[in-house]
Amino acid sequence: MLICNISFKKKLSKQDIYAIQNALRRYNKKYPHISYLLVVSNTDSNHCLQRELKIRGKKGKPKTLVFGNKIDTHIHLSIIGNKKKSAYKCVKDLKNAINKHFKKNTCTYCSWGKSQKAKNFIDYSLKQANSINKSGIFNEILEKKKAIDTIYL
């Protein structure tokens, strides 16, 4: 499993987030064996203790409110390959595309295998998520609301 940690030196705008989401969609078509989970958050990780549904009496899915200290918008990105092919090439190309978009070296990545640290990172990301964009295995996991296990990783 490859986790791409993206850190930015400037505040992220909505256009920057959309550009990264579109790049992920393009790379998902280019590398069909990958699955990704993109979490957009603006909550401090030390204080995201409580989530609540905001019910307004209207139809549709209610909004989820995350309580905690608000900070600049940041991204958590997890990319997984399948059992036969790795996601390393995709992560490397994505890193170069993001660095080219921001015209500076802003993106770093690290590789974690089937470790507890990788599962904890995904759980930590989902806990403070304001917006989730997913594909592949992450669709199955989050639709069934199963725990992230080594079977999936």
Protein backbone atom coordinates (compact mmCIF):
# COMPACT_ATOMS: atom_id res chain seq x y z
CA MET A 1 0.00 0.00 0.00
CA LEU A 2 1.29 3.42 -0.89
CA ILE A 3 0.24 6.43 1.10
CA CYS A 4 0.89 9.77 -0.55
CA ASN A 5 1.16 12.45 2.10
CA ILE A 6 0.66 15.86 0.54
CA SER A 7 1.74 18.94 2.40
CA PHE A 8 1.44 22.46 1.03
CA LYS A 9 3.22 25.62 2.05
CA LYS A 10 0.28 27.76 0.96
CA LYS A 11 -3.42 27.67 1.67
CA LEU A 12 -5.35 25.32 -0.65
CA SER A 13 -8.12 26.82 -2.73
CA LYS A 14 -11.11 24.94 -4.14
CA GLN A 15 -9.57 25.13 -7.61
CA ASP A 16 -6.41 23.41 -6.35
CA ILE A 17 -8.45 20.62 -4.79
CA TYR A 18 -10.48 20.18 -8.00
CA ALA A 19 -7.24 20.04 -10.00
CA ILE A 20 -5.91 17.25 -7.76
CA GLN A 21 -9.23 15.36 -7.98
CA ASN A 22 -9.20 15.62 -11.79
CA ALA A 23 -5.60 14.43 -11.90
CA LEU A 24 -6.56 11.42 -9.77
CA ARG A 25 -9.41 10.58 -12.16
CA ARG A 26 -7.04 10.77 -15.13
CA TYR A 27 -4.45 8.56 -13.42
CA ASN A 28 -7.18 6.10 -12.43
CA LYS A 29 -7.99 5.67 -16.14
CA LYS A 30 -4.30 5.39 -17.02
CA TYR A 31 -3.62 2.90 -14.19
CA PRO A 32 -6.88 0.89 -13.81
CA HIS A 33 -5.42 -1.36 -11.10
CA ILE A 34 -5.22 1.40 -8.46
CA SER A 35 -7.73 2.50 -5.84
CA TYR A 36 -7.54 5.87 -4.14
CA LEU A 37 -9.05 7.66 -1.17
CA LEU A 38 -8.83 11.46 -1.18
CA VAL A 39 -9.95 13.15 2.03
CA VAL A 40 -10.27 16.92 2.25
CA SER A 41 -10.24 18.32 5.78
CA ASN A 42 -9.90 21.61 7.60
CA THR A 43 -9.93 20.23 11.16
CA ASP A 44 -6.91 19.97 13.42
CA SER A 45 -6.02 16.32 13.95
CA ASN A 46 -5.58 16.65 17.72
CA HIS A 47 -9.09 17.95 18.31
CA CYS A 48 -11.42 16.15 15.87
CA LEU A 49 -13.34 14.37 18.58
CA GLN A 50 -16.98 14.59 17.57
CA ARG A 51 -19.08 14.22 14.42
CA GLU A 52 -22.74 15.14 14.17
CA LEU A 53 -25.41 15.01 11.45
CA LYS A 54 -27.07 18.33 10.63
CA ILE A 55 -30.72 17.51 9.93
CA ARG A 56 -32.63 20.35 8.30
CA GLY A 57 -35.99 18.68 7.64
CA LYS A 58 -35.31 18.38 3.92
CA LYS A 59 -34.95 15.31 1.75
CA GLY A 60 -31.57 13.87 0.94
CA LYS A 61 -28.46 12.97 2.86
CA PRO A 62 -27.87 15.22 5.87
CA LYS A 63 -24.59 17.11 6.16
CA THR A 64 -21.98 15.81 8.57
CA LEU A 65 -20.43 18.38 10.87
CA VAL A 66 -16.97 17.75 12.30
CA PHE A 67 -16.28 19.61 15.54
CA GLY A 68 -12.77 20.69 16.39
CA ASN A 69 -10.22 23.45 15.86
CA LYS A 70 -10.34 24.75 12.29
CA ILE A 71 -7.09 25.16 10.34
CA ASP A 72 -6.19 25.62 6.67
CA THR A 73 -7.60 23.08 4.22
CA HIS A 74 -5.36 20.06 3.75
CA ILE A 75 -5.51 16.70 1.97
CA HIS A 76 -4.93 13.09 3.01
CA LEU A 77 -4.38 10.78 0.04
CA SER A 78 -4.12 6.97 0.09
CA ILE A 79 -3.40 4.95 -3.06
CA ILE A 80 -3.47 1.15 -3.20
CA GLY A 81 -2.47 -1.15 -6.06
CA ASN A 82 -3.85 -4.63 -6.54
CA LYS A 83 -2.10 -7.91 -5.67
CA LYS A 84 -0.36 -8.18 -9.06
CA LYS A 85 0.59 -4.55 -9.74
CA SER A 86 1.98 -1.86 -7.49
CA ALA A 87 0.77 1.74 -7.30
CA TYR A 88 4.32 3.14 -7.12
CA LYS A 89 4.45 4.40 -10.73
CA CYS A 90 1.09 6.15 -10.35
CA VAL A 91 2.14 7.88 -7.11
CA LYS A 92 5.41 8.98 -8.69
CA ASP A 93 3.62 10.46 -11.73
CA LEU A 94 1.00 12.12 -9.52
CA LYS A 95 3.70 13.68 -7.36
CA ASN A 96 5.39 15.15 -10.44
CA ALA A 97 2.06 16.49 -11.77
CA ILE A 98 1.20 18.19 -8.46
CA ASN A 99 4.67 19.72 -8.16
CA LYS A 100 4.36 20.99 -11.74
CA HIS A 101 0.93 22.49 -10.97
CA PHE A 102 2.22 24.42 -7.95
CA LYS A 103 5.59 25.23 -9.58
CA LYS A 104 7.51 24.11 -6.49
CA ASN A 105 8.38 20.95 -4.61
CA THR A 106 5.31 20.56 -2.37
CA CYS A 107 4.43 16.88 -2.51
CA THR A 108 6.15 13.97 -0.77
CA TYR A 109 5.17 10.32 -0.57
CA CYS A 110 6.06 7.33 1.52
CA SER A 111 5.31 3.63 1.19
CA TRP A 112 3.72 1.56 3.94
CA GLY A 113 3.00 -2.12 3.46
CA LYS A 114 0.23 -4.14 5.10
CA SER A 115 1.03 -2.57 8.41
CA GLN A 116 -1.09 -1.31 11.25
CA LYS A 117 0.29 2.18 10.56
CA ALA A 118 -1.35 2.22 7.10
CA LYS A 119 -4.75 1.16 8.47
CA ASN A 120 -4.49 3.71 11.27
CA PHE A 121 -3.72 6.47 8.75
CA ILE A 122 -6.86 5.65 6.75
CA ASP A 123 -9.04 5.52 9.88
CA TYR A 124 -7.51 8.81 11.07
CA SER A 125 -8.23 10.40 7.67
CA LEU A 126 -11.85 9.25 7.64
CA LYS A 127 -12.42 10.51 11.19
CA GLN A 128 -11.70 14.14 10.25
CA ALA A 129 -13.09 14.09 6.70
CA ASN A 130 -15.17 17.00 5.44
CA SER A 131 -15.25 15.62 1.90
CA ILE A 132 -14.39 12.13 0.59
CA ASN A 133 -13.52 11.15 -2.97
CA LYS A 134 -12.89 7.43 -3.53
CA SER A 135 -12.57 4.66 -6.10
CA GLY A 136 -12.03 0.90 -6.31
CA ILE A 137 -11.63 -1.02 -3.06
CA PHE A 138 -12.46 2.05 -0.98
CA ASN A 139 -15.96 2.13 -2.55
CA GLU A 140 -16.60 -1.42 -1.32
CA ILE A 141 -15.23 -0.77 2.16
CA LEU A 142 -17.13 2.47 2.77
CA GLU A 143 -20.43 1.29 1.21
CA LYS A 144 -20.47 -1.84 3.38
CA LYS A 145 -19.14 0.22 6.32
CA LYS A 146 -16.66 -2.50 7.14
CA ALA A 147 -13.52 -2.01 9.14
CA ILE A 148 -10.34 -1.66 7.14
CA ASP A 149 -8.60 -4.99 7.39
CA THR A 150 -5.48 -6.60 5.97
CA ILE A 151 -7.72 -8.49 3.52
CA TYR A 152 -8.36 -5.25 1.65
CA LEU A 153 -4.81 -3.97 1.96
